Amino acid sequence: MTSSSVTTEYGKQNIFAKETQPQVIENYKGYIAEAELANGRWAMIGFVALLGAYITTGQVIPSIF
């Protein structure tokens, strides 16, 4: 069995020495654009849930106030 660890200059073993090569995705929209869409959608769902809770119970946060 071959060991794939590398010893550093301080004599410690580094088992994470081999790194994977980065991959380039051609048609990637981008993390920021996708995150903005997701955050906006979750905010809309939260606002509708807040309105539904207020309409049904008369409280902004049911069972707290």
PDB file of N, CA and C in Angstrom:
ATOM      1  N   MET A   1       0.843  -1.177   0.000  1.00  0.00           N
ATOM      2  CA  MET A   1       0.000   0.000   0.000  1.00  0.00           C
ATOM      3  C   MET A   1       0.891   1.243   0.000  1.00  0.00           C
ATOM      4  N   THR A   2       0.610   2.149  -0.895  1.00  0.00           N
ATOM      5  CA  THR A   2       1.409   3.357  -1.033  1.00  0.00           C
ATOM      6  C   THR A   2       0.762   4.487  -0.250  1.00  0.00           C
ATOM      7  N   SER A   3       1.551   5.183   0.502  1.00  0.00           N
ATOM      8  CA  SER A   3       1.050   6.312   1.268  1.00  0.00           C
ATOM      9  C   SER A   3       1.110   7.570   0.409  1.00  0.00           C
ATOM     10  N   SER A   4       0.036   8.366   0.450  1.00  0.00           N
ATOM     11  CA  SER A   4       0.006   9.584  -0.360  1.00  0.00           C
ATOM     12  C   SER A   4       0.223  10.819   0.500  1.00  0.00           C
ATOM     13  N   SER A   5       0.774  10.654   1.700  1.00  0.00           N
ATOM     14  CA  SER A   5       1.005  11.808   2.555  1.00  0.00           C
ATOM     15  C   SER A   5       2.349  12.448   2.227  1.00  0.00           C
ATOM     16  N   VAL A   6       2.427  13.712   2.523  1.00  0.00           N
ATOM     17  CA  VAL A   6       3.632  14.490   2.264  1.00  0.00           C
ATOM     18  C   VAL A   6       4.096  15.062   3.598  1.00  0.00           C
ATOM     19  N   THR A   7       5.396  15.033   3.826  1.00  0.00           N
ATOM     20  CA  THR A   7       5.947  15.577   5.063  1.00  0.00           C
ATOM     21  C   THR A   7       6.365  17.023   4.834  1.00  0.00           C
ATOM     22  N   THR A   8       5.929  17.900   5.743  1.00  0.00           N
ATOM     23  CA  THR A   8       6.276  19.313   5.621  1.00  0.00           C
ATOM     24  C   THR A   8       7.686  19.554   6.139  1.00  0.00           C
ATOM     25  N   GLU A   9       8.130  20.801   6.068  1.00  0.00           N
ATOM     26  CA  GLU A   9       9.474  21.136   6.535  1.00  0.00           C
ATOM     27  C   GLU A   9       9.608  21.014   8.044  1.00  0.00           C
ATOM     28  N   TYR A  10       8.461  20.944   8.768  1.00  0.00           N
ATOM     29  CA  TYR A  10       8.491  20.811  10.217  1.00  0.00           C
ATOM     30  C   TYR A  10       8.378  19.354  10.667  1.00  0.00           C
ATOM     31  N   GLY A  11       8.312  18.421   9.716  1.00  0.00           N
ATOM     32  CA  GLY A  11       8.235  17.009  10.037  1.00  0.00           C
ATOM     33  C   GLY A  11       6.827  16.493  10.244  1.00  0.00           C
ATOM     34  N   LYS A  12       5.835  17.337  10.017  1.00  0.00           N
ATOM     35  CA  LYS A  12       4.443  16.915  10.165  1.00  0.00           C
ATOM     36  C   LYS A  12       3.935  16.369   8.840  1.00  0.00           C
ATOM     37  N   GLN A  13       3.022  15.417   8.920  1.00  0.00           N
ATOM     38  CA  GLN A  13       2.461  14.849   7.702  1.00  0.00           C
ATOM     39  C   GLN A  13       1.275  15.673   7.248  1.00  0.00           C
ATOM     40  N   ASN A  14       1.207  15.898   5.976  1.00  0.00           N
ATOM     41  CA  ASN A  14       0.104  16.627   5.367  1.00  0.00           C
ATOM     42  C   ASN A  14      -0.643  15.645   4.478  1.00  0.00           C
ATOM     43  N   ILE A  15      -1.811  15.181   4.933  1.00  0.00           N
ATOM     44  CA  ILE A  15      -2.559  14.210   4.143  1.00  0.00           C
ATOM     45  C   ILE A  15      -3.433  14.888   3.089  1.00  0.00           C
ATOM     46  N   PHE A  16      -3.506  16.214   3.109  1.00  0.00           N
ATOM     47  CA  PHE A  16      -4.319  16.945   2.153  1.00  0.00           C
ATOM     48  C   PHE A  16      -3.453  17.623   1.090  1.00  0.00           C
ATOM     49  N   ALA A  17      -2.326  17.041   0.757  1.00  0.00           N
ATOM     50  CA  ALA A  17      -1.404  17.684  -0.165  1.00  0.00           C
ATOM     51  C   ALA A  17      -1.908  17.669  -1.599  1.00  0.00           C
ATOM     52  N   LYS A  18      -2.656  16.632  -1.983  1.00  0.00           N
ATOM     53  CA  LYS A  18      -3.146  16.553  -3.355  1.00  0.00           C
ATOM     54  C   LYS A  18      -4.476  17.283  -3.459  1.00  0.00           C
ATOM     55  N   GLU A  19      -4.513  18.281  -4.315  1.00  0.00           N
ATOM     56  CA  GLU A  19      -5.726  19.051  -4.514  1.00  0.00           C
ATOM     57  C   GLU A  19      -6.328  18.714  -5.864  1.00  0.00           C
ATOM     58  N   THR A  20      -7.643  18.783  -5.950  1.00  0.00           N
ATOM     59  CA  THR A  20      -8.304  18.536  -7.224  1.00  0.00           C
ATOM     60  C   THR A  20      -8.146  19.776  -8.107  1.00  0.00           C
ATOM     61  N   GLN A  21      -8.108  19.551  -9.384  1.00  0.00           N
ATOM     62  CA  GLN A  21      -7.976  20.643 -10.337  1.00  0.00           C
ATOM     63  C   GLN A  21      -9.325  21.362 -10.470  1.00  0.00           C
ATOM     64  N   PRO A  22      -9.340  22.681 -10.532  1.00  0.00           N
ATOM     65  CA  PRO A  22     -10.598  23.402 -10.717  1.00  0.00           C
ATOM     66  C   PRO A  22     -11.176  23.146 -12.103  1.00  0.00           C
ATOM     67  N   GLN A  23     -12.495  23.122 -12.178  1.00  0.00           N
ATOM     68  CA  GLN A  23     -13.167  22.904 -13.445  1.00  0.00           C
ATOM     69  C   GLN A  23     -13.867  24.184 -13.860  1.00  0.00           C
ATOM     70  N   VAL A  24     -13.793  24.501 -15.148  1.00  0.00           N
ATOM     71  CA  VAL A  24     -14.441  25.684 -15.683  1.00  0.00           C
ATOM     72  C   VAL A  24     -15.755  25.256 -16.318  1.00  0.00           C
ATOM     73  N   ILE A  25     -16.853  25.857 -15.865  1.00  0.00           N
ATOM     74  CA  ILE A  25     -18.170  25.559 -16.428  1.00  0.00           C
ATOM     75  C   ILE A  25     -18.508  26.693 -17.381  1.00  0.00           C
ATOM     76  N   GLU A  26     -18.806  26.345 -18.614  1.00  0.00           N
ATOM     77  CA  GLU A  26     -18.999  27.355 -19.665  1.00  0.00           C
ATOM     78  C   GLU A  26     -20.248  28.219 -19.444  1.00  0.00           C
ATOM     79  N   ASN A  27     -21.390  27.615 -19.183  1.00  0.00           N
ATOM     80  CA  ASN A  27     -22.651  28.362 -19.113  1.00  0.00           C
ATOM     81  C   ASN A  27     -23.105  28.551 -17.666  1.00  0.00           C
ATOM     82  N   TYR A  28     -22.232  29.008 -16.809  1.00  0.00           N
ATOM     83  CA  TYR A  28     -22.562  29.211 -15.396  1.00  0.00           C
ATOM     84  C   TYR A  28     -23.113  30.605 -15.204  1.00  0.00           C
ATOM     85  N   LYS A  29     -24.318  30.715 -14.618  1.00  0.00           N
ATOM     86  CA  LYS A  29     -24.953  32.014 -14.431  1.00  0.00           C
ATOM     87  C   LYS A  29     -24.274  32.830 -13.344  1.00  0.00           C
ATOM     88  N   GLY A  30     -23.715  32.183 -12.376  1.00  0.00           N
ATOM     89  CA  GLY A  30     -23.046  32.899 -11.306  1.00  0.00           C
ATOM     90  C   GLY A  30     -23.753  32.719  -9.984  1.00  0.00           C
ATOM     91  N   TYR A  31     -22.972  32.640  -8.934  1.00  0.00           N
ATOM     92  CA  TYR A  31     -23.527  32.420  -7.601  1.00  0.00           C
ATOM     93  C   TYR A  31     -24.348  33.613  -7.138  1.00  0.00           C
ATOM     94  N   ILE A  32     -23.884  34.802  -7.414  1.00  0.00           N
ATOM     95  CA  ILE A  32     -24.544  35.999  -6.903  1.00  0.00           C
ATOM     96  C   ILE A  32     -25.933  36.166  -7.504  1.00  0.00           C
ATOM     97  N   ALA A  33     -26.061  35.950  -8.810  1.00  0.00           N
ATOM     98  CA  ALA A  33     -27.370  36.089  -9.444  1.00  0.00           C
ATOM     99  C   ALA A  33     -28.342  35.044  -8.919  1.00  0.00           C
ATOM    100  N   GLU A  34     -27.899  33.817  -8.764  1.00  0.00           N
ATOM    101  CA  GLU A  34     -28.766  32.759  -8.253  1.00  0.00           C
ATOM    102  C   GLU A  34     -29.125  33.006  -6.786  1.00  0.00           C
ATOM    103  N   ALA A  35     -28.180  33.508  -6.002  1.00  0.00           N
ATOM    104  CA  ALA A  35     -28.447  33.784  -4.590  1.00  0.00           C
ATOM    105  C   ALA A  35     -29.455  34.921  -4.442  1.00  0.00           C
ATOM    106  N   GLU A  36     -29.360  35.931  -5.285  1.00  0.00           N
ATOM    107  CA  GLU A  36     -30.312  37.035  -5.227  1.00  0.00           C
ATOM    108  C   GLU A  36     -31.720  36.556  -5.544  1.00  0.00           C
ATOM    109  N   LEU A  37     -31.853  35.693  -6.549  1.00  0.00           N
ATOM    110  CA  LEU A  37     -33.172  35.162  -6.881  1.00  0.00           C
ATOM    111  C   LEU A  37     -33.728  34.334  -5.728  1.00  0.00           C
ATOM    112  N   ALA A  38     -32.912  33.497  -5.148  1.00  0.00           N
ATOM    113  CA  ALA A  38     -33.362  32.648  -4.039  1.00  0.00           C
ATOM    114  C   ALA A  38     -33.751  33.498  -2.832  1.00  0.00           C
ATOM    115  N   ASN A  39     -32.943  34.504  -2.496  1.00  0.00           N
ATOM    116  CA  ASN A  39     -33.253  35.363  -1.350  1.00  0.00           C
ATOM    117  C   ASN A  39     -34.546  36.138  -1.565  1.00  0.00           C
ATOM    118  N   GLY A  40     -34.765  36.616  -2.766  1.00  0.00           N
ATOM    119  CA  GLY A  40     -35.996  37.339  -3.065  1.00  0.00           C
ATOM    120  C   GLY A  40     -37.217  36.456  -2.953  1.00  0.00           C
ATOM    121  N   ARG A  41     -37.104  35.231  -3.430  1.00  0.00           N
ATOM    122  CA  ARG A  41     -38.234  34.301  -3.360  1.00  0.00           C
ATOM    123  C   ARG A  41     -38.542  33.912  -1.923  1.00  0.00           C
ATOM    124  N   TRP A  42     -37.494  33.659  -1.125  1.00  0.00           N
ATOM    125  CA  TRP A  42     -37.719  33.318   0.282  1.00  0.00           C
ATOM    126  C   TRP A  42     -38.313  34.500   1.037  1.00  0.00           C
ATOM    127  N   ALA A  43     -37.920  35.713   0.688  1.00  0.00           N
ATOM    128  CA  ALA A  43     -38.490  36.895   1.338  1.00  0.00           C
ATOM    129  C   ALA A  43     -39.973  37.028   1.003  1.00  0.00           C
ATOM    130  N   MET A  44     -40.354  36.751  -0.241  1.00  0.00           N
ATOM    131  CA  MET A  44     -41.764  36.802  -0.621  1.00  0.00           C
ATOM    132  C   MET A  44     -42.572  35.754   0.133  1.00  0.00           C
ATOM    133  N   ILE A  45     -42.028  34.548   0.267  1.00  0.00           N
ATOM    134  CA  ILE A  45     -42.721  33.489   1.001  1.00  0.00           C
ATOM    135  C   ILE A  45     -42.870  33.888   2.469  1.00  0.00           C
ATOM    136  N   GLY A  46     -41.836  34.463   3.051  1.00  0.00           N
ATOM    137  CA  GLY A  46     -41.906  34.899   4.440  1.00  0.00           C
ATOM    138  C   GLY A  46     -42.918  36.005   4.652  1.00  0.00           C
ATOM    139  N   PHE A  47     -43.001  36.930   3.706  1.00  0.00           N
ATOM    140  CA  PHE A  47     -43.955  38.024   3.834  1.00  0.00           C
ATOM    141  C   PHE A  47     -45.379  37.507   3.754  1.00  0.00           C
ATOM    142  N   VAL A  48     -45.637  36.585   2.844  1.00  0.00           N
ATOM    143  CA  VAL A  48     -46.974  35.997   2.727  1.00  0.00           C
ATOM    144  C   VAL A  48     -47.315  35.210   3.992  1.00  0.00           C
ATOM    145  N   ALA A  49     -46.341  34.478   4.547  1.00  0.00           N
ATOM    146  CA  ALA A  49     -46.574  33.739   5.787  1.00  0.00           C
ATOM    147  C   ALA A  49     -46.860  34.703   6.940  1.00  0.00           C
ATOM    148  N   LEU A  50     -46.153  35.832   6.981  1.00  0.00           N
ATOM    149  CA  LEU A  50     -46.399  36.836   8.014  1.00  0.00           C
ATOM    150  C   LEU A  50     -47.810  37.398   7.902  1.00  0.00           C
ATOM    151  N   LEU A  51     -48.238  37.718   6.697  1.00  0.00           N
ATOM    152  CA  LEU A  51     -49.592  38.225   6.497  1.00  0.00           C
ATOM    153  C   LEU A  51     -50.634  37.177   6.873  1.00  0.00           C
ATOM    154  N   GLY A  52     -50.390  35.921   6.495  1.00  0.00           N
ATOM    155  CA  GLY A  52     -51.329  34.851   6.839  1.00  0.00           C
ATOM    156  C   GLY A  52     -51.443  34.661   8.338  1.00  0.00           C
ATOM    157  N   ALA A  53     -50.329  34.723   9.038  1.00  0.00           N
ATOM    158  CA  ALA A  53     -50.355  34.578  10.496  1.00  0.00           C
ATOM    159  C   ALA A  53     -51.072  35.756  11.139  1.00  0.00           C
ATOM    160  N   TYR A  54     -50.852  36.939  10.614  1.00  0.00           N
ATOM    161  CA  TYR A  54     -51.499  38.131  11.182  1.00  0.00           C
ATOM    162  C   TYR A  54     -53.006  38.104  10.947  1.00  0.00           C
ATOM    163  N   ILE A  55     -53.418  37.667   9.754  1.00  0.00           N
ATOM    164  CA  ILE A  55     -54.844  37.624   9.432  1.00  0.00           C
ATOM    165  C   ILE A  55     -55.558  36.574  10.281  1.00  0.00           C
ATOM    166  N   THR A  56     -54.943  35.426  10.476  1.00  0.00           N
ATOM    167  CA  THR A  56     -55.620  34.346  11.203  1.00  0.00           C
ATOM    168  C   THR A  56     -55.585  34.529  12.716  1.00  0.00           C
ATOM    169  N   THR A  57     -54.535  35.124  13.270  1.00  0.00           N
ATOM    170  CA  THR A  57     -54.423  35.222  14.730  1.00  0.00           C
ATOM    171  C   THR A  57     -54.535  36.645  15.252  1.00  0.00           C
ATOM    172  N   GLY A  58     -54.279  37.628  14.428  1.00  0.00           N
ATOM    173  CA  GLY A  58     -54.293  39.011  14.888  1.00  0.00           C
ATOM    174  C   GLY A  58     -52.997  39.419  15.566  1.00  0.00           C
ATOM    175  N   GLN A  59     -51.999  38.534  15.572  1.00  0.00           N
ATOM    176  CA  GLN A  59     -50.710  38.824  16.181  1.00  0.00           C
ATOM    177  C   GLN A  59     -49.631  38.765  15.111  1.00  0.00           C
ATOM    178  N   VAL A  60     -48.595  39.587  15.263  1.00  0.00           N
ATOM    179  CA  VAL A  60     -47.514  39.581  14.291  1.00  0.00           C
ATOM    180  C   VAL A  60     -46.744  38.272  14.386  1.00  0.00           C
ATOM    181  N   ILE A  61     -46.373  37.874  15.605  1.00  0.00           N
ATOM    182  CA  ILE A  61     -45.715  36.590  15.824  1.00  0.00           C
ATOM    183  C   ILE A  61     -46.599  35.805  16.779  1.00  0.00           C
ATOM    184  N   PRO A  62     -47.369  34.840  16.272  1.00  0.00           N
ATOM    185  CA  PRO A  62     -48.314  34.108  17.127  1.00  0.00           C
ATOM    186  C   PRO A  62     -47.605  33.420  18.302  1.00  0.00           C
ATOM    187  N   SER A  63     -48.266  33.429  19.438  1.00  0.00           N
ATOM    188  CA  SER A  63     -47.871  32.784  20.696  1.00  0.00           C
ATOM    189  C   SER A  63     -46.671  33.441  21.379  1.00  0.00           C
ATOM    190  N   ILE A  64     -46.212  34.575  20.902  1.00  0.00           N
ATOM    191  CA  ILE A  64     -45.124  35.276  21.592  1.00  0.00           C
ATOM    192  C   ILE A  64     -45.663  36.536  22.261  1.00  0.00           C
ATOM    193  N   PHE A  65     -46.432  37.340  21.543  1.00  0.00           N
ATOM    194  CA  PHE A  65     -46.949  38.591  22.099  1.00  0.00           C
ATOM    195  C   PHE A  65     -48.433  38.459  22.353  1.00  0.00           C
TER     196      PHE A  65
END
